[in-house]
Amino acid sequence: MYAIIKNGGKQYKVQEGDYLNLDLLDAEPSDEIVVSEVLAVNDGNLKIGTPFLEGAKVILEVKSHGKDKKVIIYKKRRRKDSKLKKGFRRQHTRVVVKSITVEG
């Protein structure tokens, strides 16, 4: 069984036991988060929402918070002697999928 959920403007395909790095959430480790923005669920037959499935939810457990690898942003304008170099590390919340439920 898998589900497609929406979080932070992105879509994720999840199964029970999967680990995800979501955008930073205001939750403590070992807290449970209920995601009700479920776009589709496949439990033998595919159910697709318009845009979300009614009665479907995914329960996530927060494991930790952290930062991704550094992304280097480099801009150079030719013949202008102009350069810009910046770094960026996205903060994330690591979660594990506990259960996927569909009612109805």
N, C-alpha and C. Protein backbone atom coordinates (compact mmCIF):
# COMPACT_ATOMS: atom_id res chain seq x y z
N MET A 1 0.85 -1.17 0.00
CA MET A 1 0.00 0.00 0.00
C MET A 1 0.89 1.23 0.00
N TYR A 2 0.56 2.18 -0.84
CA TYR A 2 1.29 3.44 -0.85
C TYR A 2 0.31 4.59 -0.98
N ALA A 3 0.80 5.78 -0.65
CA ALA A 3 -0.01 6.99 -0.74
C ALA A 3 0.85 8.11 -1.31
N ILE A 4 0.20 9.08 -1.91
CA ILE A 4 0.88 10.28 -2.39
C ILE A 4 0.34 11.44 -1.55
N ILE A 5 1.26 12.09 -0.82
CA ILE A 5 0.87 13.18 0.08
C ILE A 5 1.49 14.49 -0.40
N LYS A 6 0.91 15.58 0.08
CA LYS A 6 1.40 16.92 -0.24
C LYS A 6 1.88 17.57 1.05
N ASN A 7 3.10 18.15 0.99
CA ASN A 7 3.63 18.85 2.15
C ASN A 7 4.61 19.90 1.66
N GLY A 8 4.40 21.13 2.04
CA GLY A 8 5.33 22.19 1.70
C GLY A 8 5.42 22.48 0.22
N GLY A 9 4.32 22.29 -0.52
CA GLY A 9 4.33 22.56 -1.95
C GLY A 9 4.94 21.44 -2.78
N LYS A 10 5.33 20.34 -2.13
CA LYS A 10 5.91 19.20 -2.85
C LYS A 10 5.05 17.96 -2.60
N GLN A 11 5.18 16.99 -3.49
CA GLN A 11 4.43 15.74 -3.37
C GLN A 11 5.40 14.61 -3.12
N TYR A 12 5.00 13.68 -2.25
CA TYR A 12 5.84 12.56 -1.87
C TYR A 12 5.04 11.26 -2.00
N LYS A 13 5.68 10.22 -2.54
CA LYS A 13 5.11 8.88 -2.56
C LYS A 13 5.65 8.13 -1.36
N VAL A 14 4.76 7.70 -0.45
CA VAL A 14 5.19 7.10 0.81
C VAL A 14 4.56 5.72 1.01
N GLN A 15 5.28 4.87 1.72
CA GLN A 15 4.80 3.58 2.19
C GLN A 15 5.08 3.50 3.67
N GLU A 16 4.45 2.54 4.36
CA GLU A 16 4.70 2.40 5.78
C GLU A 16 6.15 2.02 6.01
N GLY A 17 6.79 2.71 6.95
CA GLY A 17 8.18 2.44 7.27
C GLY A 17 9.17 3.31 6.52
N ASP A 18 8.71 4.14 5.56
CA ASP A 18 9.60 5.02 4.80
C ASP A 18 10.05 6.20 5.65
N TYR A 19 11.27 6.65 5.43
CA TYR A 19 11.80 7.86 6.05
C TYR A 19 11.77 8.99 5.03
N LEU A 20 11.39 10.20 5.48
CA LEU A 20 11.31 11.37 4.61
C LEU A 20 12.00 12.55 5.28
N ASN A 21 12.53 13.45 4.47
CA ASN A 21 13.01 14.74 4.94
C ASN A 21 12.04 15.80 4.46
N LEU A 22 11.17 16.27 5.35
CA LEU A 22 10.19 17.31 5.02
C LEU A 22 10.75 18.67 5.41
N ASP A 23 10.12 19.74 4.91
CA ASP A 23 10.50 21.08 5.33
C ASP A 23 10.34 21.17 6.85
N LEU A 24 11.09 22.07 7.45
CA LEU A 24 11.13 22.17 8.91
C LEU A 24 9.73 22.34 9.49
N LEU A 25 9.36 21.47 10.42
CA LEU A 25 8.05 21.49 11.07
C LEU A 25 8.24 21.87 12.53
N ASP A 26 7.22 22.49 13.10
CA ASP A 26 7.24 22.89 14.50
C ASP A 26 6.75 21.71 15.34
N ALA A 27 7.63 20.73 15.55
CA ALA A 27 7.27 19.54 16.32
C ALA A 27 8.53 19.01 17.00
N GLU A 28 8.34 18.35 18.12
CA GLU A 28 9.45 17.77 18.86
C GLU A 28 9.67 16.32 18.41
N PRO A 29 10.87 15.78 18.59
CA PRO A 29 11.09 14.37 18.27
C PRO A 29 10.14 13.47 19.06
N SER A 30 9.67 12.42 18.42
CA SER A 30 8.69 11.43 18.90
C SER A 30 7.25 11.96 18.88
N ASP A 31 7.01 13.19 18.40
CA ASP A 31 5.64 13.67 18.19
C ASP A 31 5.05 12.99 16.96
N GLU A 32 3.71 12.89 16.94
CA GLU A 32 3.04 12.35 15.77
C GLU A 32 2.36 13.49 15.00
N ILE A 33 2.45 13.42 13.68
CA ILE A 33 1.85 14.41 12.80
C ILE A 33 0.86 13.68 11.90
N VAL A 34 -0.34 14.22 11.76
CA VAL A 34 -1.36 13.64 10.88
C VAL A 34 -1.45 14.49 9.63
N VAL A 35 -1.20 13.88 8.48
CA VAL A 35 -1.28 14.56 7.19
C VAL A 35 -2.60 14.16 6.55
N SER A 36 -3.49 15.14 6.34
CA SER A 36 -4.78 14.84 5.72
C SER A 36 -4.82 15.26 4.26
N GLU A 37 -3.73 15.88 3.77
CA GLU A 37 -3.66 16.26 2.36
C GLU A 37 -3.12 15.08 1.56
N VAL A 38 -3.97 14.07 1.39
CA VAL A 38 -3.61 12.85 0.66
C VAL A 38 -4.21 12.94 -0.73
N LEU A 39 -3.36 12.88 -1.75
CA LEU A 39 -3.81 13.01 -3.13
C LEU A 39 -4.30 11.70 -3.72
N ALA A 40 -3.64 10.59 -3.36
CA ALA A 40 -4.01 9.28 -3.90
C ALA A 40 -3.56 8.19 -2.96
N VAL A 41 -4.29 7.06 -2.99
CA VAL A 41 -3.94 5.88 -2.20
C VAL A 41 -4.11 4.66 -3.09
N ASN A 42 -3.14 3.76 -3.05
CA ASN A 42 -3.24 2.50 -3.79
C ASN A 42 -3.15 1.36 -2.78
N ASP A 43 -4.27 0.68 -2.56
CA ASP A 43 -4.30 -0.49 -1.68
C ASP A 43 -4.85 -1.69 -2.46
N GLY A 44 -4.34 -1.90 -3.65
CA GLY A 44 -4.86 -2.93 -4.55
C GLY A 44 -5.58 -2.28 -5.71
N ASN A 45 -6.40 -1.29 -5.42
CA ASN A 45 -7.00 -0.46 -6.47
C ASN A 45 -6.71 1.01 -6.14
N LEU A 46 -6.49 1.78 -7.18
CA LEU A 46 -6.05 3.16 -7.03
C LEU A 46 -7.25 4.08 -6.78
N LYS A 47 -7.16 4.87 -5.70
CA LYS A 47 -8.18 5.87 -5.38
C LYS A 47 -7.52 7.24 -5.51
N ILE A 48 -8.10 8.10 -6.33
CA ILE A 48 -7.54 9.42 -6.58
C ILE A 48 -8.52 10.48 -6.10
N GLY A 49 -8.02 11.48 -5.38
CA GLY A 49 -8.87 12.55 -4.86
C GLY A 49 -8.99 13.70 -5.84
N THR A 50 -9.94 14.60 -5.55
CA THR A 50 -10.15 15.77 -6.40
C THR A 50 -10.17 17.04 -5.55
N PRO A 51 -9.15 17.64 -5.12
CA PRO A 51 -7.76 17.20 -5.21
C PRO A 51 -7.34 16.27 -4.08
N PHE A 52 -8.06 16.25 -2.94
CA PHE A 52 -7.67 15.40 -1.81
C PHE A 52 -8.72 14.33 -1.59
N LEU A 53 -8.28 13.19 -1.05
CA LEU A 53 -9.19 12.09 -0.72
C LEU A 53 -9.86 12.37 0.63
N GLU A 54 -11.17 12.22 0.66
CA GLU A 54 -11.91 12.39 1.91
C GLU A 54 -11.71 11.15 2.79
N GLY A 55 -11.39 11.36 4.07
CA GLY A 55 -11.25 10.25 5.00
C GLY A 55 -9.91 9.54 4.94
N ALA A 56 -8.98 10.01 4.14
CA ALA A 56 -7.66 9.39 4.07
C ALA A 56 -6.68 10.23 4.88
N LYS A 57 -5.79 9.54 5.61
CA LYS A 57 -4.78 10.25 6.37
C LYS A 57 -3.54 9.39 6.52
N VAL A 58 -2.42 10.07 6.68
CA VAL A 58 -1.13 9.43 6.87
C VAL A 58 -0.57 9.93 8.19
N ILE A 59 -0.15 9.01 9.05
CA ILE A 59 0.40 9.37 10.36
C ILE A 59 1.92 9.25 10.30
N LEU A 60 2.61 10.35 10.64
CA LEU A 60 4.06 10.43 10.61
C LEU A 60 4.58 10.61 12.03
N GLU A 61 5.75 10.05 12.31
CA GLU A 61 6.40 10.26 13.61
C GLU A 61 7.70 11.01 13.38
N VAL A 62 7.91 12.09 14.11
CA VAL A 62 9.11 12.92 13.97
C VAL A 62 10.28 12.19 14.63
N LYS A 63 11.37 12.05 13.88
CA LYS A 63 12.58 11.41 14.41
C LYS A 63 13.62 12.45 14.83
N SER A 64 13.90 13.44 13.97
CA SER A 64 14.92 14.43 14.31
C SER A 64 14.79 15.64 13.40
N HIS A 65 15.58 16.65 13.71
CA HIS A 65 15.71 17.84 12.87
C HIS A 65 17.15 17.92 12.39
N GLY A 66 17.36 18.53 11.22
CA GLY A 66 18.72 18.63 10.72
C GLY A 66 18.83 19.59 9.56
N LYS A 67 20.00 19.57 8.91
CA LYS A 67 20.25 20.41 7.75
C LYS A 67 20.72 19.54 6.60
N ASP A 68 20.34 19.92 5.38
CA ASP A 68 20.79 19.22 4.18
C ASP A 68 22.22 19.63 3.85
N LYS A 69 22.76 19.01 2.79
CA LYS A 69 24.07 19.40 2.31
C LYS A 69 24.01 20.81 1.74
N LYS A 70 25.15 21.48 1.74
CA LYS A 70 25.20 22.86 1.26
C LYS A 70 25.04 22.91 -0.26
N VAL A 71 24.21 23.83 -0.72
CA VAL A 71 24.03 24.10 -2.14
C VAL A 71 24.74 25.42 -2.43
N ILE A 72 25.61 25.42 -3.43
CA ILE A 72 26.37 26.63 -3.78
C ILE A 72 25.65 27.36 -4.92
N ILE A 73 25.37 28.63 -4.70
CA ILE A 73 24.77 29.47 -5.72
C ILE A 73 25.88 30.39 -6.25
N TYR A 74 26.19 30.31 -7.54
CA TYR A 74 27.26 31.10 -8.12
C TYR A 74 26.74 31.80 -9.36
N LYS A 75 26.85 33.12 -9.38
CA LYS A 75 26.43 33.92 -10.52
C LYS A 75 27.62 34.70 -11.03
N LYS A 76 27.78 34.73 -12.34
CA LYS A 76 28.87 35.49 -12.95
C LYS A 76 28.33 36.20 -14.18
N ARG A 77 28.61 37.48 -14.25
CA ARG A 77 28.21 38.27 -15.42
C ARG A 77 29.46 38.52 -16.25
N ARG A 78 29.46 38.04 -17.46
CA ARG A 78 30.67 38.13 -18.28
C ARG A 78 31.01 39.58 -18.63
N ARG A 79 32.28 39.83 -18.67
CA ARG A 79 32.85 41.13 -19.02
C ARG A 79 32.41 42.26 -18.08
N LYS A 80 31.88 41.97 -16.93
CA LYS A 80 31.43 43.01 -16.00
C LYS A 80 32.25 43.00 -14.70
N ASP A 81 33.14 42.03 -14.55
CA ASP A 81 33.89 41.86 -13.32
C ASP A 81 32.94 41.78 -12.12
N SER A 82 31.87 41.01 -12.30
CA SER A 82 30.85 40.89 -11.27
C SER A 82 30.61 39.41 -10.98
N LYS A 83 30.81 39.01 -9.72
CA LYS A 83 30.60 37.62 -9.30
C LYS A 83 29.84 37.62 -7.98
N LEU A 84 29.10 36.55 -7.75
CA LEU A 84 28.37 36.39 -6.51
C LEU A 84 28.39 34.91 -6.14
N LYS A 85 28.85 34.60 -4.94
CA LYS A 85 28.88 33.22 -4.48
C LYS A 85 28.22 33.15 -3.11
N LYS A 86 27.19 32.32 -3.00
CA LYS A 86 26.46 32.15 -1.75
C LYS A 86 26.26 30.67 -1.49
N GLY A 87 26.08 30.33 -0.24
CA GLY A 87 25.76 28.96 0.14
C GLY A 87 24.42 28.92 0.85
N PHE A 88 23.76 27.76 0.80
CA PHE A 88 22.45 27.62 1.41
C PHE A 88 22.29 26.20 1.92
N ARG A 89 21.85 26.06 3.17
CA ARG A 89 21.56 24.74 3.73
C ARG A 89 20.11 24.72 4.21
N ARG A 90 19.30 23.89 3.57
CA ARG A 90 17.89 23.80 3.92
C ARG A 90 17.73 23.03 5.23
N GLN A 91 16.92 23.57 6.13
CA GLN A 91 16.61 22.85 7.37
C GLN A 91 15.45 21.91 7.11
N HIS A 92 15.52 20.70 7.69
CA HIS A 92 14.48 19.72 7.45
C HIS A 92 14.12 18.99 8.74
N THR A 93 12.97 18.31 8.69
CA THR A 93 12.52 17.44 9.76
C THR A 93 12.47 16.02 9.21
N ARG A 94 13.17 15.09 9.86
CA ARG A 94 13.18 13.70 9.41
C ARG A 94 12.02 12.98 10.10
N VAL A 95 11.16 12.36 9.28
CA VAL A 95 9.99 11.66 9.80
C VAL A 95 9.95 10.24 9.24
N VAL A 96 9.22 9.37 9.94
CA VAL A 96 8.98 8.01 9.47
C VAL A 96 7.46 7.83 9.36
N VAL A 97 7.02 7.11 8.33
CA VAL A 97 5.59 6.87 8.10
C VAL A 97 5.14 5.72 8.99
N LYS A 98 4.21 5.99 9.89
CA LYS A 98 3.71 4.97 10.82
C LYS A 98 2.57 4.18 10.20
N SER A 99 1.57 4.89 9.62
CA SER A 99 0.42 4.18 9.06
C SER A 99 -0.27 5.03 8.01
N ILE A 100 -0.96 4.32 7.11
CA ILE A 100 -1.78 4.94 6.06
C ILE A 100 -3.18 4.37 6.22
N THR A 101 -4.17 5.25 6.41
CA THR A 101 -5.54 4.77 6.58
C THR A 101 -6.47 5.46 5.60
N VAL A 102 -7.47 4.68 5.14
CA VAL A 102 -8.51 5.20 4.24
C VAL A 102 -9.84 4.76 4.82
N GLU A 103 -10.73 5.72 5.05
CA GLU A 103 -12.07 5.41 5.56
C GLU A 103 -13.07 5.58 4.43
N GLY A 104 -13.86 4.57 4.23
CA GLY A 104 -14.92 4.67 3.23
C GLY A 104 -14.62 4.13 1.90
